[in-house]
Amino acid sequence: EDATGAAIHLMGLDRAAGLGPSGHADGPYAPDH
């Protein structure tokens, strides 16, 4: 649960930053996939 919480926090950060195909979160799944 600790590891999942940290992962969800990272996904929220990436989602808020709009990371997707052109950012760090490029692949193949974006944080909101």
Full PDB file with SEQRES, HELIX, SHEET, SSBOND, CRYST1, ORIGX, SCALE, CONECT and MASTER records, all heavy atoms in Angstrom:
SEQRES   1 A   33  GLU ASP ALA THR GLY ALA ALA ILE HIS LEU MET GLY LEU          
SEQRES   2 A   33  ASP ARG ALA ALA GLY LEU GLY PRO SER GLY HIS ALA ASP          
SEQRES   3 A   33  GLY PRO TYR ALA PRO ASP HIS                                  
HELIX    1 AA1 ASP A    2  ALA A   16  1                                  15    
CRYST1    1.000    1.000    1.000  90.00  90.00  90.00 P 1           1          
ORIGX1      1.000000  0.000000  0.000000        0.00000                         
ORIGX2      0.000000  1.000000  0.000000        0.00000                         
ORIGX3      0.000000  0.000000  1.000000        0.00000                         
SCALE1      1.000000  0.000000  0.000000        0.00000                         
SCALE2      0.000000  1.000000  0.000000        0.00000                         
SCALE3      0.000000  0.000000  1.000000        0.00000                         
ATOM      1  N   GLU A   1       0.823  -1.205   0.000  1.00  0.00           N  
ATOM      2  CA  GLU A   1       0.000   0.000   0.000  1.00  0.00           C  
ATOM      3  C   GLU A   1       0.860   1.260   0.000  1.00  0.00           C  
ATOM      4  O   GLU A   1       0.516   2.257  -0.637  1.00  0.00           O  
ATOM      5  CB  GLU A   1      -0.962   0.013   1.197  1.00  0.00           C  
ATOM      6  CG  GLU A   1      -2.041  -1.046   1.148  1.00  0.00           C  
ATOM      7  CD  GLU A   1      -1.556  -2.450   1.527  1.00  0.00           C  
ATOM      8  OE1 GLU A   1      -0.491  -2.582   2.188  1.00  0.00           O  
ATOM      9  OE2 GLU A   1      -2.228  -3.418   1.150  1.00  0.00           O  
ATOM     10  N   ASP A   2       1.992   1.226   0.726  1.00  0.00           N  
ATOM     11  CA  ASP A   2       2.922   2.369   0.718  1.00  0.00           C  
ATOM     12  C   ASP A   2       3.448   2.603  -0.696  1.00  0.00           C  
ATOM     13  O   ASP A   2       3.503   3.743  -1.170  1.00  0.00           O  
ATOM     14  CB  ASP A   2       4.116   2.117   1.650  1.00  0.00           C  
ATOM     15  CG  ASP A   2       3.737   1.988   3.111  1.00  0.00           C  
ATOM     16  OD1 ASP A   2       2.725   2.605   3.530  1.00  0.00           O  
ATOM     17  OD2 ASP A   2       4.458   1.277   3.838  1.00  0.00           O  
ATOM     18  N   ALA A   3       3.858   1.517  -1.356  1.00  0.00           N  
ATOM     19  CA  ALA A   3       4.397   1.625  -2.716  1.00  0.00           C  
ATOM     20  C   ALA A   3       3.321   2.103  -3.690  1.00  0.00           C  
ATOM     21  O   ALA A   3       3.590   2.935  -4.561  1.00  0.00           O  
ATOM     22  CB  ALA A   3       4.970   0.281  -3.163  1.00  0.00           C  
ATOM     23  N   THR A   4       2.109   1.609  -3.534  1.00  0.00           N  
ATOM     24  CA  THR A   4       1.010   2.040  -4.405  1.00  0.00           C  
ATOM     25  C   THR A   4       0.689   3.514  -4.178  1.00  0.00           C  
ATOM     26  O   THR A   4       0.449   4.263  -5.128  1.00  0.00           O  
ATOM     27  CB  THR A   4      -0.240   1.171  -4.179  1.00  0.00           C  
ATOM     28  OG1 THR A   4       0.098  -0.191  -4.472  1.00  0.00           O  
ATOM     29  CG2 THR A   4      -1.393   1.608  -5.063  1.00  0.00           C  
ATOM     30  N   GLY A   5       0.692   3.948  -2.925  1.00  0.00           N  
ATOM     31  CA  GLY A   5       0.436   5.364  -2.628  1.00  0.00           C  
ATOM     32  C   GLY A   5       1.465   6.270  -3.285  1.00  0.00           C  
ATOM     33  O   GLY A   5       1.117   7.321  -3.847  1.00  0.00           O  
ATOM     34  N   ALA A   6       2.748   5.891  -3.226  1.00  0.00           N  
ATOM     35  CA  ALA A   6       3.795   6.690  -3.871  1.00  0.00           C  
ATOM     36  C   ALA A   6       3.608   6.695  -5.389  1.00  0.00           C  
ATOM     37  O   ALA A   6       3.822   7.715  -6.050  1.00  0.00           O  
ATOM     38  CB  ALA A   6       5.172   6.138  -3.504  1.00  0.00           C  
ATOM     39  N   ALA A   7       3.191   5.566  -5.939  1.00  0.00           N  
ATOM     40  CA  ALA A   7       2.950   5.479  -7.382  1.00  0.00           C  
ATOM     41  C   ALA A   7       1.785   6.373  -7.797  1.00  0.00           C  
ATOM     42  O   ALA A   7       1.861   7.090  -8.806  1.00  0.00           O  
ATOM     43  CB  ALA A   7       2.662   4.029  -7.775  1.00  0.00           C  
ATOM     44  N   ILE A   8       0.719   6.367  -7.025  1.00  0.00           N  
ATOM     45  CA  ILE A   8      -0.444   7.210  -7.329  1.00  0.00           C  
ATOM     46  C   ILE A   8      -0.063   8.683  -7.240  1.00  0.00           C  
ATOM     47  O   ILE A   8      -0.498   9.506  -8.058  1.00  0.00           O  
ATOM     48  CB  ILE A   8      -1.623   6.858  -6.401  1.00  0.00           C  
ATOM     49  CG1 ILE A   8      -2.169   5.475  -6.780  1.00  0.00           C  
ATOM     50  CG2 ILE A   8      -2.718   7.904  -6.452  1.00  0.00           C  
ATOM     51  CD1 ILE A   8      -3.155   4.889  -5.789  1.00  0.00           C  
ATOM     52  N   HIS A   9       0.782   9.012  -6.268  1.00  0.00           N  
ATOM     53  CA  HIS A   9       1.237  10.404  -6.143  1.00  0.00           C  
ATOM     54  C   HIS A   9       2.027  10.817  -7.390  1.00  0.00           C  
ATOM     55  O   HIS A   9       1.825  11.911  -7.922  1.00  0.00           O  
ATOM     56  CB  HIS A   9       2.075  10.572  -4.885  1.00  0.00           C  
ATOM     57  CG  HIS A   9       2.396  11.992  -4.592  1.00  0.00           C  
ATOM     58  ND1 HIS A   9       1.595  12.783  -3.812  1.00  0.00           N  
ATOM     59  CD2 HIS A   9       3.409  12.775  -5.009  1.00  0.00           C  
ATOM     60  CE1 HIS A   9       2.109  14.000  -3.749  1.00  0.00           C  
ATOM     61  NE2 HIS A   9       3.211  14.018  -4.469  1.00  0.00           N  
ATOM     62  N   LEU A  10       2.925   9.953  -7.867  1.00  0.00           N  
ATOM     63  CA  LEU A  10       3.688  10.243  -9.085  1.00  0.00           C  
ATOM     64  C   LEU A  10       2.748  10.412 -10.274  1.00  0.00           C  
ATOM     65  O   LEU A  10       2.896  11.351 -11.064  1.00  0.00           O  
ATOM     66  CB  LEU A  10       4.696   9.140  -9.378  1.00  0.00           C  
ATOM     67  CG  LEU A  10       5.434   9.284 -10.710  1.00  0.00           C  
ATOM     68  CD1 LEU A  10       6.382  10.477 -10.678  1.00  0.00           C  
ATOM     69  CD2 LEU A  10       6.169   8.006 -11.061  1.00  0.00           C  
ATOM     70  N   MET A  11       1.768   9.544 -10.400  1.00  0.00           N  
ATOM     71  CA  MET A  11       0.822   9.648 -11.507  1.00  0.00           C  
ATOM     72  C   MET A  11       0.060  10.962 -11.446  1.00  0.00           C  
ATOM     73  O   MET A  11      -0.158  11.606 -12.478  1.00  0.00           O  
ATOM     74  CB  MET A  11      -0.149   8.459 -11.485  1.00  0.00           C  
ATOM     75  CG  MET A  11       0.500   7.158 -11.891  1.00  0.00           C  
ATOM     76  SD  MET A  11      -0.548   5.694 -11.626  1.00  0.00           S  
ATOM     77  CE  MET A  11      -2.045   6.157 -12.436  1.00  0.00           C  
ATOM     78  N   GLY A  12      -0.342  11.379 -10.255  1.00  0.00           N  
ATOM     79  CA  GLY A  12      -1.036  12.664 -10.105  1.00  0.00           C  
ATOM     80  C   GLY A  12      -0.157  13.824 -10.507  1.00  0.00           C  
ATOM     81  O   GLY A  12      -0.604  14.766 -11.168  1.00  0.00           O  
ATOM     82  N   LEU A  13       1.116  13.762 -10.123  1.00  0.00           N  
ATOM     83  CA  LEU A  13       2.080  14.800 -10.502  1.00  0.00           C  
ATOM     84  C   LEU A  13       2.240  14.851 -12.018  1.00  0.00           C  
ATOM     85  O   LEU A  13       2.209  15.921 -12.624  1.00  0.00           O  
ATOM     86  CB  LEU A  13       3.423  14.514  -9.825  1.00  0.00           C  
ATOM     87  CG  LEU A  13       4.520  15.542  -9.986  1.00  0.00           C  
ATOM     88  CD1 LEU A  13       4.197  16.781  -9.156  1.00  0.00           C  
ATOM     89  CD2 LEU A  13       5.847  14.938  -9.542  1.00  0.00           C  
ATOM     90  N   ASP A  14       2.386  13.678 -12.640  1.00  0.00           N  
ATOM     91  CA  ASP A  14       2.535  13.614 -14.094  1.00  0.00           C  
ATOM     92  C   ASP A  14       1.276  14.085 -14.806  1.00  0.00           C  
ATOM     93  O   ASP A  14       1.338  14.787 -15.809  1.00  0.00           O  
ATOM     94  CB  ASP A  14       2.883  12.188 -14.539  1.00  0.00           C  
ATOM     95  CG  ASP A  14       4.327  11.815 -14.238  1.00  0.00           C  
ATOM     96  OD1 ASP A  14       5.095  12.675 -13.754  1.00  0.00           O  
ATOM     97  OD2 ASP A  14       4.695  10.646 -14.494  1.00  0.00           O  
ATOM     98  N   ARG A  15       0.129  13.710 -14.276  1.00  0.00           N  
ATOM     99  CA  ARG A  15      -1.141  14.123 -14.873  1.00  0.00           C  
ATOM    100  C   ARG A  15      -1.288  15.642 -14.800  1.00  0.00           C  
ATOM    101  O   ARG A  15      -1.650  16.292 -15.779  1.00  0.00           O  
ATOM    102  CB  ARG A  15      -2.295  13.431 -14.153  1.00  0.00           C  
ATOM    103  CG  ARG A  15      -3.611  13.486 -14.889  1.00  0.00           C  
ATOM    104  CD  ARG A  15      -4.707  12.688 -14.181  1.00  0.00           C  
ATOM    105  NE  ARG A  15      -4.385  11.274 -14.047  1.00  0.00           N  
ATOM    106  CZ  ARG A  15      -4.133  10.660 -12.874  1.00  0.00           C  
ATOM    107  NH1 ARG A  15      -4.173  11.312 -11.743  1.00  0.00           N  
ATOM    108  NH2 ARG A  15      -3.850   9.377 -12.852  1.00  0.00           N  
ATOM    109  N   ALA A  16      -0.962  16.227 -13.642  1.00  0.00           N  
ATOM    110  CA  ALA A  16      -1.073  17.680 -13.459  1.00  0.00           C  
ATOM    111  C   ALA A  16      -0.100  18.429 -14.369  1.00  0.00           C  
ATOM    112  O   ALA A  16      -0.398  19.530 -14.825  1.00  0.00           O  
ATOM    113  CB  ALA A  16      -0.821  18.051 -11.997  1.00  0.00           C  
ATOM    114  N   ALA A  17       1.051  17.817 -14.623  1.00  0.00           N  
ATOM    115  CA  ALA A  17       2.053  18.455 -15.481  1.00  0.00           C  
ATOM    116  C   ALA A  17       1.705  18.282 -16.957  1.00  0.00           C  
ATOM    117  O   ALA A  17       2.378  18.841 -17.824  1.00  0.00           O  
ATOM    118  CB  ALA A  17       3.431  17.872 -15.198  1.00  0.00           C  
ATOM    119  N   GLY A  18       0.684  17.489 -17.240  1.00  0.00           N  
ATOM    120  CA  GLY A  18       0.285  17.260 -18.628  1.00  0.00           C  
ATOM    121  C   GLY A  18       1.254  16.382 -19.381  1.00  0.00           C  
ATOM    122  O   GLY A  18       1.348  16.444 -20.602  1.00  0.00           O  
ATOM    123  N   LEU A  19       2.009  15.542 -18.650  1.00  0.00           N  
ATOM    124  CA  LEU A  19       2.968  14.679 -19.328  1.00  0.00           C  
ATOM    125  C   LEU A  19       2.225  13.624 -20.124  1.00  0.00           C  
ATOM    126  O   LEU A  19       1.263  13.052 -19.681  1.00  0.00           O  
ATOM    127  CB  LEU A  19       3.908  14.016 -18.327  1.00  0.00           C  
ATOM    128  CG  LEU A  19       4.830  14.956 -17.579  1.00  0.00           C  
ATOM    129  CD1 LEU A  19       5.741  14.160 -16.647  1.00  0.00           C  
ATOM    130  CD2 LEU A  19       5.659  15.789 -18.526  1.00  0.00           C  
ATOM    131  N   GLY A  20       2.703  13.394 -21.288  1.00  0.00           N  
ATOM    132  CA  GLY A  20       2.099  12.412 -22.168  1.00  0.00           C  
ATOM    133  C   GLY A  20       3.093  12.028 -23.236  1.00  0.00           C  
ATOM    134  O   GLY A  20       4.271  11.912 -22.952  1.00  0.00           O  
ATOM    135  N   PRO A  21       2.651  11.888 -24.471  1.00  0.00           N  
ATOM    136  CA  PRO A  21       3.535  11.402 -25.515  1.00  0.00           C  
ATOM    137  C   PRO A  21       4.827  12.205 -25.699  1.00  0.00           C  
ATOM    138  O   PRO A  21       5.817  11.670 -26.126  1.00  0.00           O  
ATOM    139  CB  PRO A  21       2.667  11.472 -26.771  1.00  0.00           C  
ATOM    140  CG  PRO A  21       1.282  11.330 -26.256  1.00  0.00           C  
ATOM    141  CD  PRO A  21       1.288  12.017 -24.918  1.00  0.00           C  
ATOM    142  N   SER A  22       4.851  13.473 -25.343  1.00  0.00           N  
ATOM    143  CA  SER A  22       6.071  14.237 -25.548  1.00  0.00           C  
ATOM    144  C   SER A  22       6.875  14.459 -24.279  1.00  0.00           C  
ATOM    145  O   SER A  22       7.974  14.994 -24.325  1.00  0.00           O  
ATOM    146  CB  SER A  22       5.732  15.603 -26.160  1.00  0.00           C  
ATOM    147  OG  SER A  22       4.934  16.326 -25.249  1.00  0.00           O  
ATOM    148  N   GLY A  23       6.350  14.032 -23.123  1.00  0.00           N  
ATOM    149  CA  GLY A  23       7.058  14.263 -21.874  1.00  0.00           C  
ATOM    150  C   GLY A  23       7.752  13.016 -21.391  1.00  0.00           C  
ATOM    151  O   GLY A  23       7.970  12.065 -22.132  1.00  0.00           O  
ATOM    152  N   HIS A  24       8.091  13.008 -20.135  1.00  0.00           N  
ATOM    153  CA  HIS A  24       8.718  11.822 -19.554  1.00  0.00           C  
ATOM    154  C   HIS A  24       7.777  10.631 -19.609  1.00  0.00           C  
ATOM    155  O   HIS A  24       8.214   9.518 -19.797  1.00  0.00           O  
ATOM    156  CB  HIS A  24       9.102  12.081 -18.095  1.00  0.00           C  
ATOM    157  CG  HIS A  24      10.326  12.906 -17.951  1.00  0.00           C  
ATOM    158  ND1 HIS A  24      11.580  12.373 -18.036  1.00  0.00           N  
ATOM    159  CD2 HIS A  24      10.500  14.222 -17.759  1.00  0.00           C  
ATOM    160  CE1 HIS A  24      12.482  13.322 -17.874  1.00  0.00           C  
ATOM    161  NE2 HIS A  24      11.842  14.459 -17.705  1.00  0.00           N  
ATOM    162  N   ALA A  25       6.507  10.889 -19.390  1.00  0.00           N  
ATOM    163  CA  ALA A  25       5.534   9.796 -19.357  1.00  0.00           C  
ATOM    164  C   ALA A  25       5.170   9.427 -20.790  1.00  0.00           C  
ATOM    165  O   ALA A  25       4.091   9.698 -21.256  1.00  0.00           O  
ATOM    166  CB  ALA A  25       4.300  10.225 -18.573  1.00  0.00           C  
ATOM    167  N   ASP A  26       6.140   8.838 -21.476  1.00  0.00           N  
ATOM    168  CA  ASP A  26       5.893   8.592 -22.888  1.00  0.00           C  
ATOM    169  C   ASP A  26       5.904   7.139 -23.258  1.00  0.00           C  
ATOM    170  O   ASP A  26       6.217   6.792 -24.377  1.00  0.00           O  
ATOM    171  CB  ASP A  26       6.894   9.354 -23.749  1.00  0.00           C  
ATOM    172  CG  ASP A  26       8.325   8.923 -23.546  1.00  0.00           C  
ATOM    173  OD1 ASP A  26       8.596   8.160 -22.598  1.00  0.00           O  
ATOM    174  OD2 ASP A  26       9.171   9.328 -24.306  1.00  0.00           O  
ATOM    175  N   GLY A  27       5.622   6.285 -22.245  1.00  0.00           N  
ATOM    176  CA  GLY A  27       5.457   5.134 -22.944  1.00  0.00           C  
ATOM    177  C   GLY A  27       5.419   3.734 -22.504  1.00  0.00           C  
ATOM    178  O   GLY A  27       6.285   3.355 -21.831  1.00  0.00           O  
ATOM    179  N   PRO A  28       4.518   3.053 -22.954  1.00  0.00           N  
ATOM    180  CA  PRO A  28       3.437   3.418 -23.864  1.00  0.00           C  
ATOM    181  C   PRO A  28       2.193   3.973 -23.174  1.00  0.00           C  
ATOM    182  O   PRO A  28       1.282   4.440 -23.827  1.00  0.00           O  
ATOM    183  CB  PRO A  28       3.095   2.097 -24.548  1.00  0.00           C  
ATOM    184  CG  PRO A  28       3.410   1.058 -23.528  1.00  0.00           C  
ATOM    185  CD  PRO A  28       4.596   1.601 -22.758  1.00  0.00           C  
ATOM    186  N   TYR A  29       2.172   3.959 -21.840  1.00  0.00           N  
ATOM    187  CA  TYR A  29       0.948   4.365 -21.160  1.00  0.00           C  
ATOM    188  C   TYR A  29       1.147   5.642 -20.357  1.00  0.00           C  
ATOM    189  O   TYR A  29       2.026   5.723 -19.507  1.00  0.00           O  
ATOM    190  CB  TYR A  29       0.435   3.245 -20.246  1.00  0.00           C  
ATOM    191  CG  TYR A  29       0.063   2.018 -21.033  1.00  0.00           C  
ATOM    192  CD1 TYR A  29       0.896   0.913 -21.066  1.00  0.00           C  
ATOM    193  CD2 TYR A  29      -1.098   1.994 -21.776  1.00  0.00           C  
ATOM    194  CE1 TYR A  29       0.560  -0.209 -21.811  1.00  0.00           C  
ATOM    195  CE2 TYR A  29      -1.439   0.883 -22.530  1.00  0.00           C  
ATOM    196  CZ  TYR A  29      -0.602  -0.220 -22.546  1.00  0.00           C  
ATOM    197  OH  TYR A  29      -0.939  -1.306 -23.283  1.00  0.00           O  
ATOM    198  N   ALA A  30       0.301   6.619 -20.612  1.00  0.00           N  
ATOM    199  CA  ALA A  30       0.314   7.892 -19.893  1.00  0.00           C  
ATOM    200  C   ALA A  30      -0.317   7.689 -18.514  1.00  0.00           C  
ATOM    201  O   ALA A  30      -0.968   6.672 -18.262  1.00  0.00           O  
ATOM    202  CB  ALA A  30      -0.455   8.947 -20.692  1.00  0.00           C  
ATOM    203  N   PRO A  31      -0.170   8.653 -17.607  1.00  0.00           N  
ATOM    204  CA  PRO A  31      -0.683   8.459 -16.239  1.00  0.00           C  
ATOM    205  C   PRO A  31      -2.195   8.314 -16.146  1.00  0.00           C  
ATOM    206  O   PRO A  31      -2.688   7.729 -15.190  1.00  0.00           O  
ATOM    207  CB  PRO A  31      -0.207   9.706 -15.494  1.00  0.00           C  
ATOM    208  CG  PRO A  31       0.137  10.696 -16.537  1.00  0.00           C  
ATOM    209  CD  PRO A  31       0.523   9.924 -17.758  1.00  0.00           C  
ATOM    210  N   ASP A  32      -2.927   8.810 -17.125  1.00  0.00           N  
ATOM    211  CA  ASP A  32      -4.383   8.691 -17.051  1.00  0.00           C  
ATOM    212  C   ASP A  32      -4.924   7.529 -17.881  1.00  0.00           C  
ATOM    213  O   ASP A  32      -6.128   7.355 -17.985  1.00  0.00           O  
ATOM    214  CB  ASP A  32      -5.049   9.998 -17.463  1.00  0.00           C  
ATOM    215  CG  ASP A  32      -4.657  10.443 -18.855  1.00  0.00           C  
ATOM    216  OD1 ASP A  32      -3.749   9.830 -19.456  1.00  0.00           O  
ATOM    217  OD2 ASP A  32      -5.241  11.421 -19.346  1.00  0.00           O  
ATOM    218  N   HIS A  33      -4.054   6.707 -18.444  1.00  0.00           N  
ATOM    219  CA  HIS A  33      -4.493   5.537 -19.214  1.00  0.00           C  
ATOM    220  C   HIS A  33      -5.116   4.514 -18.254  1.00  0.00           C  
ATOM    221  O   HIS A  33      -4.659   4.373 -17.117  1.00  0.00           O  
ATOM    222  CB  HIS A  33      -3.294   4.927 -19.943  1.00  0.00           C  
ATOM    223  CG  HIS A  33      -3.670   3.883 -20.929  1.00  0.00           C  
ATOM    224  ND1 HIS A  33      -3.971   2.591 -20.562  1.00  0.00           N  
ATOM    225  CD2 HIS A  33      -3.811   3.952 -22.270  1.00  0.00           C  
ATOM    226  CE1 HIS A  33      -4.278   1.888 -21.639  1.00  0.00           C  
ATOM    227  NE2 HIS A  33      -4.183   2.691 -22.689  1.00  0.00           N  
TER     228      HIS A  33                                                      
MASTER        0    0    0    1    0    0    0    6  227    1    0    3          
END                                                                             
